[in-house]
């Protein structure tokens, strides 16, 4: 440990001062700032033009709620939603109107129980409710709920509790319209804030792998090509060097994450972005802490799995010019994990994700997506975690052997046969 700490501090201090780190951090911070301002810029230049959205409103036994929603939306400046009323839920007529484009979707209400606001179900041909439409419907529903709960009397404790409960719009595709509502408790776990956490952690995992992983490999290769490695190994063991660099780069990655979070927070604090953010109806009280905890655990473990591989590959490359080609397989694994997760956001319970949950190179993001947005049980999460830990132990052992022999192999990149023969001389 006495030799590991100086390597960690040296790696951190030395890399933070480099021009590449500063430039990369600044570029990503600028891109984040631009991305946050895109919705505002689109709104600024697009104005209020648009044909509007036709939404069916099946009011049934709740005509007062339907009238309240319509009145609220009509009062909003630049409202682009018009409602088509249906007295009863005639499924065939609704499906026909969806097919011919008369409506883009329809709202219907469940039976009211006491003072509880009726369940709200939105059915459309899409997999998910468009966020712009949800941002318009949500305040109208909240206003309708307020009127419904408080009508005819002063507020009681039960009414106050009913007002505090957010209105959740359940989403159904047209082929699920008759299948029934989701089970109890499902709305809390799949709240918008939890989707945001899952999405952010997936992006975070990918960015960390791409940036710090390549920095680890480049650092090892540059020390080896400049022959500094021959001096270093006389005072510090190769294993201490490898793990010291991995931990040092991990701290650098955390520093970048803190900077990016600060940039995002500063941009979101601007008044016009605050108004846009309010439309998303992000409720921190609906955040499931278990998603955040599990996500961070898999993020850290996934980082160390990839970091050991990057260090091992960097140790067998003698020239920095050859590094890009050498790390390409690991980069492709990282890209595969990212794209599998991103393309499966709308179907978190697919067979592909279930299989990938037990493949260590992609499980840090796929199991998080299944748990945060799907129906993965804690037992499945635990099994995926055990497989990931076993993979880290194995690949750390393998990377340590490769690193210990690779740092002193110069010239052309060694073949697998040559590397295996050299590794047999060391027992770790």
Protein backbone atom coordinates (compact mmCIF):
# COMPACT_ATOMS: atom_id res chain seq x y z
CA UNK A 1 0.00 0.00 0.00
CA UNK A 2 2.93 2.35 0.73
CA UNK A 3 4.07 1.94 -2.89
CA UNK A 4 0.56 1.99 -4.35
CA UNK A 5 -0.48 5.39 -2.94
CA UNK A 6 2.42 7.35 -4.50
CA UNK A 7 1.59 5.80 -7.91
CA UNK A 8 -2.07 6.76 -7.55
CA UNK A 9 -1.25 10.35 -6.57
CA UNK A 10 1.46 10.67 -9.25
CA UNK A 11 -0.85 9.32 -11.98
CA UNK A 12 -3.67 11.63 -10.92
CA UNK A 13 -1.53 14.78 -10.59
CA UNK A 14 0.42 14.12 -13.78
CA UNK A 15 -2.62 13.39 -15.96
CA UNK A 16 -4.75 16.28 -14.71
CA UNK A 17 -2.10 18.73 -15.92
CA UNK A 18 -1.93 17.35 -19.45
CA UNK A 19 -3.32 19.34 -22.35
CA UNK A 20 -5.35 16.36 -23.62
CA UNK A 21 -7.26 16.08 -20.33
CA UNK A 22 -8.05 19.79 -20.22
CA UNK A 23 -9.11 19.96 -23.88
CA UNK A 24 -11.26 16.81 -23.66
CA UNK A 25 -13.00 18.02 -20.50
CA UNK A 26 -13.68 21.46 -21.98
CA UNK A 27 -15.06 19.98 -25.24
CA UNK A 28 -17.42 17.62 -23.41
CA UNK A 29 -18.56 20.45 -21.12
CA UNK A 30 -19.36 22.61 -24.17
CA UNK A 31 -21.23 19.75 -25.85
CA UNK A 32 -23.26 19.16 -22.69
CA UNK A 33 -24.14 22.86 -22.50
CA UNK A 34 -25.24 22.89 -26.15
CA UNK A 35 -27.31 19.73 -25.68
CA UNK A 36 -29.14 21.19 -22.68
CA UNK A 37 -30.01 24.34 -24.64
CA UNK A 38 -31.27 22.49 -27.74
CA UNK A 39 -34.96 22.27 -26.60
CA UNK A 40 -34.99 26.00 -25.82
CA UNK A 41 -33.36 26.89 -29.15
CA UNK A 42 -35.84 24.72 -31.06
CA UNK A 43 -38.72 26.39 -29.25
CA UNK A 44 -37.18 29.82 -29.86
CA UNK A 45 -36.83 29.38 -33.62
CA UNK A 46 -39.91 27.23 -34.27
CA UNK A 47 -42.41 29.59 -32.63
CA UNK A 48 -45.96 28.38 -32.12
CA UNK A 49 -46.59 26.97 -35.57
CA UNK A 50 -48.04 23.48 -35.76
CA UNK A 51 -51.19 21.62 -36.61
CA UNK A 52 -51.74 20.31 -33.11
CA UNK A 53 -52.45 16.87 -31.69
CA UNK A 54 -55.84 15.20 -31.63
CA UNK A 55 -56.41 13.20 -28.42
CA UNK A 56 -59.47 11.10 -27.69
CA UNK A 57 -61.14 11.67 -24.31
CA UNK A 58 -63.29 8.76 -23.08
CA UNK A 59 -65.12 10.39 -20.20
CA UNK A 60 -67.68 7.69 -19.29
CA UNK A 61 -68.80 8.39 -15.72
CA UNK A 62 -66.32 11.25 -15.30
CA UNK A 63 -67.64 14.14 -17.48
CA UNK A 64 -66.53 16.74 -14.90
CA UNK A 65 -62.92 15.58 -15.13
CA UNK A 66 -63.05 15.66 -18.94
CA UNK A 67 -64.46 19.21 -18.92
CA UNK A 68 -61.80 20.34 -16.44
CA UNK A 69 -58.98 18.92 -18.58
CA UNK A 70 -60.35 20.52 -21.75
CA UNK A 71 -60.84 23.89 -20.07
CA UNK A 72 -57.33 23.90 -18.61
CA UNK A 73 -55.63 23.01 -21.92
CA UNK A 74 -57.70 25.60 -23.84
CA UNK A 75 -56.54 28.31 -21.44
CA UNK A 76 -52.86 27.60 -22.04
CA UNK A 77 -51.12 29.96 -24.49
CA UNK A 78 -50.16 28.21 -27.72
CA UNK A 79 -52.04 25.03 -26.81
CA UNK A 80 -51.60 22.42 -29.56
CA UNK A 81 -53.90 19.72 -28.19
CA UNK A 82 -57.51 19.30 -29.20
CA UNK A 83 -59.77 16.67 -27.67
CA UNK A 84 -62.26 14.37 -29.38
CA UNK A 85 -64.90 13.25 -26.91
CA UNK A 86 -66.16 9.68 -26.59
CA UNK A 87 -68.97 8.92 -24.16
CA UNK A 88 -68.13 5.23 -23.83
CA UNK A 89 -64.99 3.16 -24.50
CA UNK A 90 -66.05 1.54 -27.79
CA UNK A 91 -62.78 -0.28 -28.45
CA UNK A 92 -63.40 -0.93 -32.15
CA UNK A 93 -64.32 2.70 -32.86
CA UNK A 94 -61.28 3.96 -30.95
CA UNK A 95 -58.93 1.58 -32.77
CA UNK A 96 -60.40 2.63 -36.13
CA UNK A 97 -59.90 6.31 -35.31
CA UNK A 98 -56.30 5.56 -34.29
CA UNK A 99 -55.66 3.71 -37.54
CA UNK A 100 -57.06 6.41 -39.81
CA UNK A 101 -55.29 9.22 -37.94
CA UNK A 102 -58.37 10.92 -36.49
CA UNK A 103 -56.71 10.73 -33.08
CA UNK A 104 -53.10 10.03 -32.02
CA UNK A 105 -54.15 8.35 -28.78
CA UNK A 106 -56.92 8.41 -26.20
CA UNK A 107 -57.32 8.96 -22.46
CA UNK A 108 -59.73 6.98 -20.34
CA UNK A 109 -60.44 6.89 -16.62
CA UNK A 110 -60.91 4.01 -14.21
CA UNK A 111 -63.47 3.78 -11.44
CA UNK A 112 -63.07 6.30 -8.61
CA UNK A 113 -62.61 4.84 -5.11
CA UNK A 114 -63.49 7.31 -2.37
CA UNK A 115 -61.50 10.50 -2.75
CA UNK A 116 -58.80 8.86 -4.83
CA UNK A 117 -58.49 10.34 -8.30
CA UNK A 118 -59.45 7.77 -10.97
CA UNK A 119 -56.68 5.83 -12.72
CA UNK A 120 -55.66 7.52 -15.97
CA UNK A 121 -54.76 5.30 -18.95
CA UNK A 122 -53.35 6.60 -22.22
CA UNK A 123 -53.52 4.23 -25.21
CA UNK A 124 -51.73 4.77 -28.51
CA UNK A 125 -49.85 2.91 -31.23
CA UNK A 126 -46.48 3.97 -29.78
CA UNK A 127 -44.41 2.20 -27.13
CA UNK A 128 -44.18 5.28 -24.91
CA UNK A 129 -45.90 8.61 -24.34
CA UNK A 130 -44.16 11.49 -26.08
CA UNK A 131 -42.61 13.76 -23.45
CA UNK A 132 -44.00 16.96 -25.03
CA UNK A 133 -47.52 15.50 -24.91
CA UNK A 134 -47.02 14.30 -21.34
CA UNK A 135 -45.73 17.73 -20.27
CA UNK A 136 -48.98 19.25 -21.61
CA UNK A 137 -51.32 16.63 -20.13
CA UNK A 138 -49.72 16.35 -16.70
CA UNK A 139 -50.59 19.85 -15.37
CA UNK A 140 -54.12 19.52 -16.80
CA UNK A 141 -54.59 16.25 -14.90
CA UNK A 142 -53.13 17.74 -11.72
CA UNK A 143 -55.57 20.64 -11.98
CA UNK A 144 -58.48 18.25 -12.60
CA UNK A 145 -57.43 16.18 -9.59
CA UNK A 146 -57.34 19.28 -7.38
CA UNK A 147 -60.89 20.18 -8.38
CA UNK A 148 -62.08 16.60 -7.98
CA UNK A 149 -60.63 16.09 -4.49
CA UNK A 150 -61.65 19.46 -3.03
CA UNK A 151 -65.16 19.82 -4.48
CA UNK A 152 -67.94 20.68 -2.09
CA UNK A 153 -66.11 20.94 1.23
CA UNK A 154 -63.14 22.26 3.16
CA UNK A 155 -59.94 20.25 2.94
CA UNK A 156 -59.61 17.25 5.25
CA UNK A 157 -56.42 15.33 6.01
CA UNK A 158 -57.53 12.64 3.59
CA UNK A 159 -58.05 15.23 0.87
CA UNK A 160 -54.65 16.78 1.47
CA UNK A 161 -53.04 13.34 1.17
CA UNK A 162 -54.98 12.69 -2.03
CA UNK A 163 -53.83 16.01 -3.50
CA UNK A 164 -50.20 15.25 -2.68
CA UNK A 165 -50.26 11.96 -4.61
CA UNK A 166 -49.10 12.60 -8.21
CA UNK A 167 -51.27 11.57 -11.14
CA UNK A 168 -49.60 8.73 -13.06
CA UNK A 169 -50.53 8.12 -16.69
CA UNK A 170 -50.40 4.43 -17.48
CA UNK A 171 -49.37 3.71 -21.05
CA UNK A 172 -50.76 0.97 -23.29
CA UNK A 173 -50.22 0.07 -26.91
CA UNK A 174 -53.35 -0.65 -28.92
CA UNK A 175 -52.67 -4.38 -28.79
CA UNK A 176 -52.60 -4.20 -24.97
CA UNK A 177 -55.76 -2.11 -24.53
CA UNK A 178 -57.84 -4.99 -23.18
CA UNK A 179 -55.09 -6.65 -21.19
CA UNK A 180 -55.72 -4.78 -17.93
CA UNK A 181 -53.77 -2.29 -15.89
CA UNK A 182 -50.34 -2.74 -14.40
CA UNK A 183 -49.94 -4.29 -11.02
CA UNK A 184 -49.87 -2.28 -7.81
CA UNK A 185 -46.71 -0.36 -7.09
CA UNK A 186 -45.44 -0.43 -10.68
CA UNK A 187 -45.84 3.32 -11.18
CA UNK A 188 -43.31 4.26 -8.50
CA UNK A 189 -40.44 2.22 -9.87
CA UNK A 190 -41.03 3.32 -13.47
CA UNK A 191 -41.40 7.03 -12.68
CA UNK A 192 -39.70 9.43 -15.07
CA UNK A 193 -36.96 10.26 -12.54
CA UNK A 194 -35.93 6.58 -12.46
CA UNK A 195 -35.67 6.46 -16.25
CA UNK A 196 -33.46 9.55 -16.03
CA UNK A 197 -31.18 7.81 -13.50
CA UNK A 198 -30.86 4.70 -15.69
CA UNK A 199 -30.17 6.76 -18.82
CA UNK A 200 -27.57 8.93 -17.04
CA UNK A 201 -25.70 5.92 -15.59
CA UNK A 202 -25.57 4.21 -19.01
CA UNK A 203 -24.07 7.36 -20.56
CA UNK A 204 -21.71 7.69 -17.59
CA UNK A 205 -20.46 4.12 -17.94
CA UNK A 206 -19.79 4.53 -21.67
CA UNK A 207 -18.01 7.89 -21.30
CA UNK A 208 -15.80 6.62 -18.47
CA UNK A 209 -14.78 3.52 -20.41
CA UNK A 210 -13.95 5.45 -23.55
CA UNK A 211 -11.99 8.23 -21.84
CA UNK A 212 -10.19 6.69 -18.87
CA UNK A 213 -9.69 3.29 -20.51
CA UNK A 214 -7.79 4.77 -23.42
CA UNK A 215 -5.85 7.02 -21.05
CA UNK A 216 -4.71 3.97 -19.04
CA UNK A 217 -3.54 2.13 -22.15
CA UNK A 218 -1.81 5.24 -23.54
CA UNK A 219 -0.05 5.93 -20.24
CA UNK A 220 1.35 2.41 -20.03
CA UNK A 221 2.42 2.37 -23.68
CA UNK A 222 4.13 5.79 -23.50
CA UNK A 223 6.14 4.75 -20.42
CA UNK A 224 7.13 1.53 -22.12
CA UNK A 225 8.11 3.17 -25.45
CA UNK A 226 10.22 5.83 -23.69
CA UNK A 227 11.99 3.13 -21.61
CA UNK A 228 10.88 4.80 -18.38
CA UNK A 229 9.28 1.48 -17.49
CA UNK A 230 12.69 -0.14 -17.08
CA UNK A 231 13.52 2.39 -14.35
CA UNK A 232 10.14 2.18 -12.65
CA UNK A 233 10.12 -1.59 -12.21
CA UNK A 234 13.40 -1.45 -10.27
CA UNK A 235 11.61 0.34 -7.42
CA UNK A 236 7.94 -0.62 -7.85
CA UNK A 237 6.53 -3.98 -8.90
CA UNK A 238 4.62 -4.11 -12.21
CA UNK A 239 1.46 -5.16 -10.36
CA UNK A 240 1.57 -2.10 -8.08
CA UNK A 241 2.09 0.04 -11.20
CA UNK A 242 -0.91 -1.46 -12.98
CA UNK A 243 -3.38 -1.18 -10.11
CA UNK A 244 -2.01 2.23 -9.12
CA UNK A 245 -2.63 3.55 -12.63
CA UNK A 246 -6.14 2.04 -12.71
CA UNK A 247 -7.09 3.67 -9.38
CA UNK A 248 -5.46 6.97 -10.35
CA UNK A 249 -7.38 7.07 -13.63
CA UNK A 250 -10.56 6.19 -11.76
CA UNK A 251 -10.11 9.31 -9.62
CA UNK A 252 -9.56 11.34 -12.78
CA UNK A 253 -12.80 9.95 -14.19
CA UNK A 254 -14.62 10.94 -10.99
CA UNK A 255 -13.18 14.47 -11.27
CA UNK A 256 -14.51 14.76 -14.82
CA UNK A 257 -17.91 13.49 -13.73
CA UNK A 258 -18.06 16.11 -10.95
CA UNK A 259 -17.14 18.83 -13.47
CA UNK A 260 -19.84 17.64 -15.90
CA UNK A 261 -22.46 17.51 -13.14
CA UNK A 262 -21.54 21.08 -12.16
CA UNK A 263 -21.85 22.20 -15.82
CA UNK A 264 -25.27 20.53 -16.16
CA UNK A 265 -26.50 22.03 -12.86
CA UNK A 266 -25.30 25.52 -13.86
CA UNK A 267 -27.08 25.33 -17.23
CA UNK A 268 -30.30 23.95 -15.76
CA UNK A 269 -30.31 26.77 -13.18
CA UNK A 270 -30.87 29.34 -15.97
CA UNK A 271 -34.46 30.69 -15.86
CA UNK A 272 -35.58 29.55 -19.33
CA UNK A 273 -34.14 26.07 -18.74
CA UNK A 274 -35.91 25.92 -15.38
CA UNK A 275 -39.22 26.42 -17.17
CA UNK A 276 -38.41 23.64 -19.65
CA UNK A 277 -37.30 21.33 -16.84
CA UNK A 278 -40.54 21.93 -14.94
CA UNK A 279 -42.49 20.54 -17.92
CA UNK A 280 -40.92 17.12 -17.36
CA UNK A 281 -42.61 16.87 -13.93
CA UNK A 282 -39.54 15.25 -12.35
CA UNK A 283 -40.50 14.28 -8.80
CA UNK A 284 -37.51 13.37 -6.61
CA UNK A 285 -39.87 11.79 -4.08
CA UNK A 286 -40.56 9.05 -6.65
CA UNK A 287 -36.88 8.20 -7.00
CA UNK A 288 -36.06 4.58 -6.17
CA UNK A 289 -32.76 4.69 -4.25
CA UNK A 290 -32.13 1.01 -4.92
CA UNK A 291 -31.78 1.79 -8.65
CA UNK A 292 -29.14 4.44 -7.91
CA UNK A 293 -27.22 2.17 -5.49
CA UNK A 294 -27.26 -0.85 -7.80
CA UNK A 295 -26.32 1.36 -10.74
CA UNK A 296 -23.28 2.81 -8.94
CA UNK A 297 -22.12 -0.65 -7.82
CA UNK A 298 -22.26 -2.02 -11.36
CA UNK A 299 -20.71 1.17 -12.74
CA UNK A 300 -17.65 0.87 -10.47
CA UNK A 301 -17.23 -2.88 -11.02
CA UNK A 302 -17.70 -2.51 -14.77
CA UNK A 303 -15.04 0.19 -14.84
CA UNK A 304 -12.48 -2.04 -13.13
CA UNK A 305 -13.24 -4.92 -15.50
CA UNK A 306 -12.53 -2.79 -18.57
CA UNK A 307 -9.64 -0.91 -16.94
CA UNK A 308 -7.66 -4.11 -16.29
CA UNK A 309 -8.07 -5.11 -19.94
CA UNK A 310 -6.94 -1.71 -21.20
CA UNK A 311 -3.87 -1.86 -18.95
CA UNK A 312 -3.00 -5.36 -20.15
CA UNK A 313 -3.32 -4.42 -23.82
CA UNK A 314 -1.30 -1.23 -23.29
CA UNK A 315 1.53 -3.28 -21.76
CA UNK A 316 2.08 -5.43 -24.86
CA UNK A 317 2.22 -2.49 -27.30
CA UNK A 318 5.65 -0.93 -27.82
CA UNK A 319 4.60 2.09 -29.90
CA UNK A 320 1.78 4.51 -29.28
CA UNK A 321 1.01 4.44 -33.03
CA UNK A 322 -0.11 0.81 -32.69
CA UNK A 323 -2.28 1.41 -29.64
CA UNK A 324 -5.51 2.28 -31.47
CA UNK A 325 -5.55 -1.01 -33.34
CA UNK A 326 -4.63 -2.99 -30.23
CA UNK A 327 -7.45 -1.62 -28.06
CA UNK A 328 -10.05 -1.86 -30.85
CA UNK A 329 -11.56 -5.17 -29.58
CA UNK A 330 -12.11 -3.69 -26.10
CA UNK A 331 -13.57 -0.52 -27.60
CA UNK A 332 -15.97 -2.63 -29.65
CA UNK A 333 -17.09 -4.45 -26.48
CA UNK A 334 -17.78 -1.11 -24.81
CA UNK A 335 -19.70 0.13 -27.85
CA UNK A 336 -21.71 -3.10 -27.96
CA UNK A 337 -22.73 -2.66 -24.32
CA UNK A 338 -23.76 0.95 -24.97
CA UNK A 339 -25.80 0.25 -28.11
CA UNK A 340 -27.52 -2.83 -26.68
CA UNK A 341 -28.70 -0.74 -23.73
CA UNK A 342 -29.70 2.35 -25.73
CA UNK A 343 -31.65 0.42 -28.37
CA UNK A 344 -33.44 -1.56 -25.66
CA UNK A 345 -34.65 1.40 -23.57
CA UNK A 346 -38.18 0.92 -24.89
CA UNK A 347 -38.16 -2.87 -24.31
CA UNK A 348 -36.32 -3.52 -21.03
CA UNK A 349 -37.73 -7.05 -20.67
CA UNK A 350 -36.57 -8.40 -24.03
CA UNK A 351 -34.84 -11.77 -24.35
CA UNK A 352 -31.68 -10.03 -25.59
CA UNK A 353 -31.36 -8.04 -22.36
CA UNK A 354 -32.08 -11.11 -20.22
CA UNK A 355 -29.22 -12.98 -21.89
CA UNK A 356 -26.87 -9.98 -21.78
CA UNK A 357 -27.53 -9.54 -18.05
CA UNK A 358 -25.20 -12.48 -17.41
CA UNK A 359 -22.44 -11.49 -19.84
CA UNK A 360 -19.88 -9.52 -17.76
CA UNK A 361 -18.83 -7.08 -20.51
CA UNK A 362 -22.39 -5.81 -21.04
CA UNK A 363 -24.12 -6.71 -17.76
CA UNK A 364 -23.22 -3.42 -15.94
CA UNK A 365 -25.66 -1.54 -18.19
CA UNK A 366 -28.14 -4.25 -19.21
CA UNK A 367 -28.99 -5.46 -15.70
CA UNK A 368 -29.35 -1.83 -14.58
CA UNK A 369 -31.78 -1.19 -17.43
CA UNK A 370 -33.75 -4.34 -16.61
CA UNK A 371 -33.94 -3.48 -12.91
CA UNK A 372 -34.60 0.25 -13.32
CA UNK A 373 -37.08 0.14 -16.20
CA UNK A 374 -38.06 -3.53 -16.41
CA UNK A 375 -39.02 -6.38 -14.13
CA UNK A 376 -35.66 -7.88 -13.07
CA UNK A 377 -35.79 -9.36 -9.56
CA UNK A 378 -33.11 -8.84 -6.91
CA UNK A 379 -32.14 -12.50 -7.28
CA UNK A 380 -31.29 -11.91 -10.94
CA UNK A 381 -29.34 -8.78 -10.02
CA UNK A 382 -27.39 -10.75 -7.39
CA UNK A 383 -26.55 -13.53 -9.86
CA UNK A 384 -25.38 -10.99 -12.44
CA UNK A 385 -23.26 -9.29 -9.76
CA UNK A 386 -21.59 -12.57 -8.74
CA UNK A 387 -20.75 -13.39 -12.36
CA UNK A 388 -19.31 -9.88 -12.84
CA UNK A 389 -17.16 -10.16 -9.68
CA UNK A 390 -15.88 -13.58 -10.78
CA UNK A 391 -15.01 -12.11 -14.19
CA UNK A 392 -13.14 -9.21 -12.55
CA UNK A 393 -11.10 -11.62 -10.41
CA UNK A 394 -10.24 -13.78 -13.42
CA UNK A 395 -9.39 -10.95 -15.80
CA UNK A 396 -7.43 -9.09 -13.09
CA UNK A 397 -5.32 -12.20 -12.58
CA UNK A 398 -4.89 -12.61 -16.34
CA UNK A 399 -4.17 -8.90 -16.88
CA UNK A 400 -1.63 -8.93 -14.07
CA UNK A 401 0.28 -11.79 -15.72
CA UNK A 402 0.12 -10.11 -19.13
CA UNK A 403 1.20 -6.77 -17.68
CA UNK A 404 4.08 -8.23 -15.72
CA UNK A 405 5.53 -9.88 -18.83
CA UNK A 406 4.34 -7.43 -21.48
CA UNK A 407 6.04 -4.32 -20.07
CA UNK A 408 9.47 -5.80 -20.81
CA UNK A 409 8.66 -7.22 -24.27
CA UNK A 410 9.87 -4.78 -26.92
CA UNK A 411 9.84 -4.78 -30.70
CA UNK A 412 6.84 -6.15 -32.57
CA UNK A 413 3.69 -7.01 -30.70
CA UNK A 414 4.11 -10.54 -29.26
CA UNK A 415 1.91 -13.33 -30.56
CA UNK A 416 -0.43 -15.18 -28.21
CA UNK A 417 1.95 -18.15 -28.23
CA UNK A 418 4.96 -15.99 -27.29
CA UNK A 419 2.96 -14.18 -24.62
CA UNK A 420 1.67 -17.44 -23.11
CA UNK A 421 5.20 -18.83 -22.96
CA UNK A 422 6.50 -15.71 -21.22
CA UNK A 423 3.60 -15.70 -18.75
CA UNK A 424 4.39 -19.23 -17.58
CA UNK A 425 7.56 -17.89 -16.00
CA UNK A 426 5.50 -15.87 -13.48
CA UNK A 427 3.09 -17.15 -10.89
CA UNK A 428 0.51 -14.70 -9.57
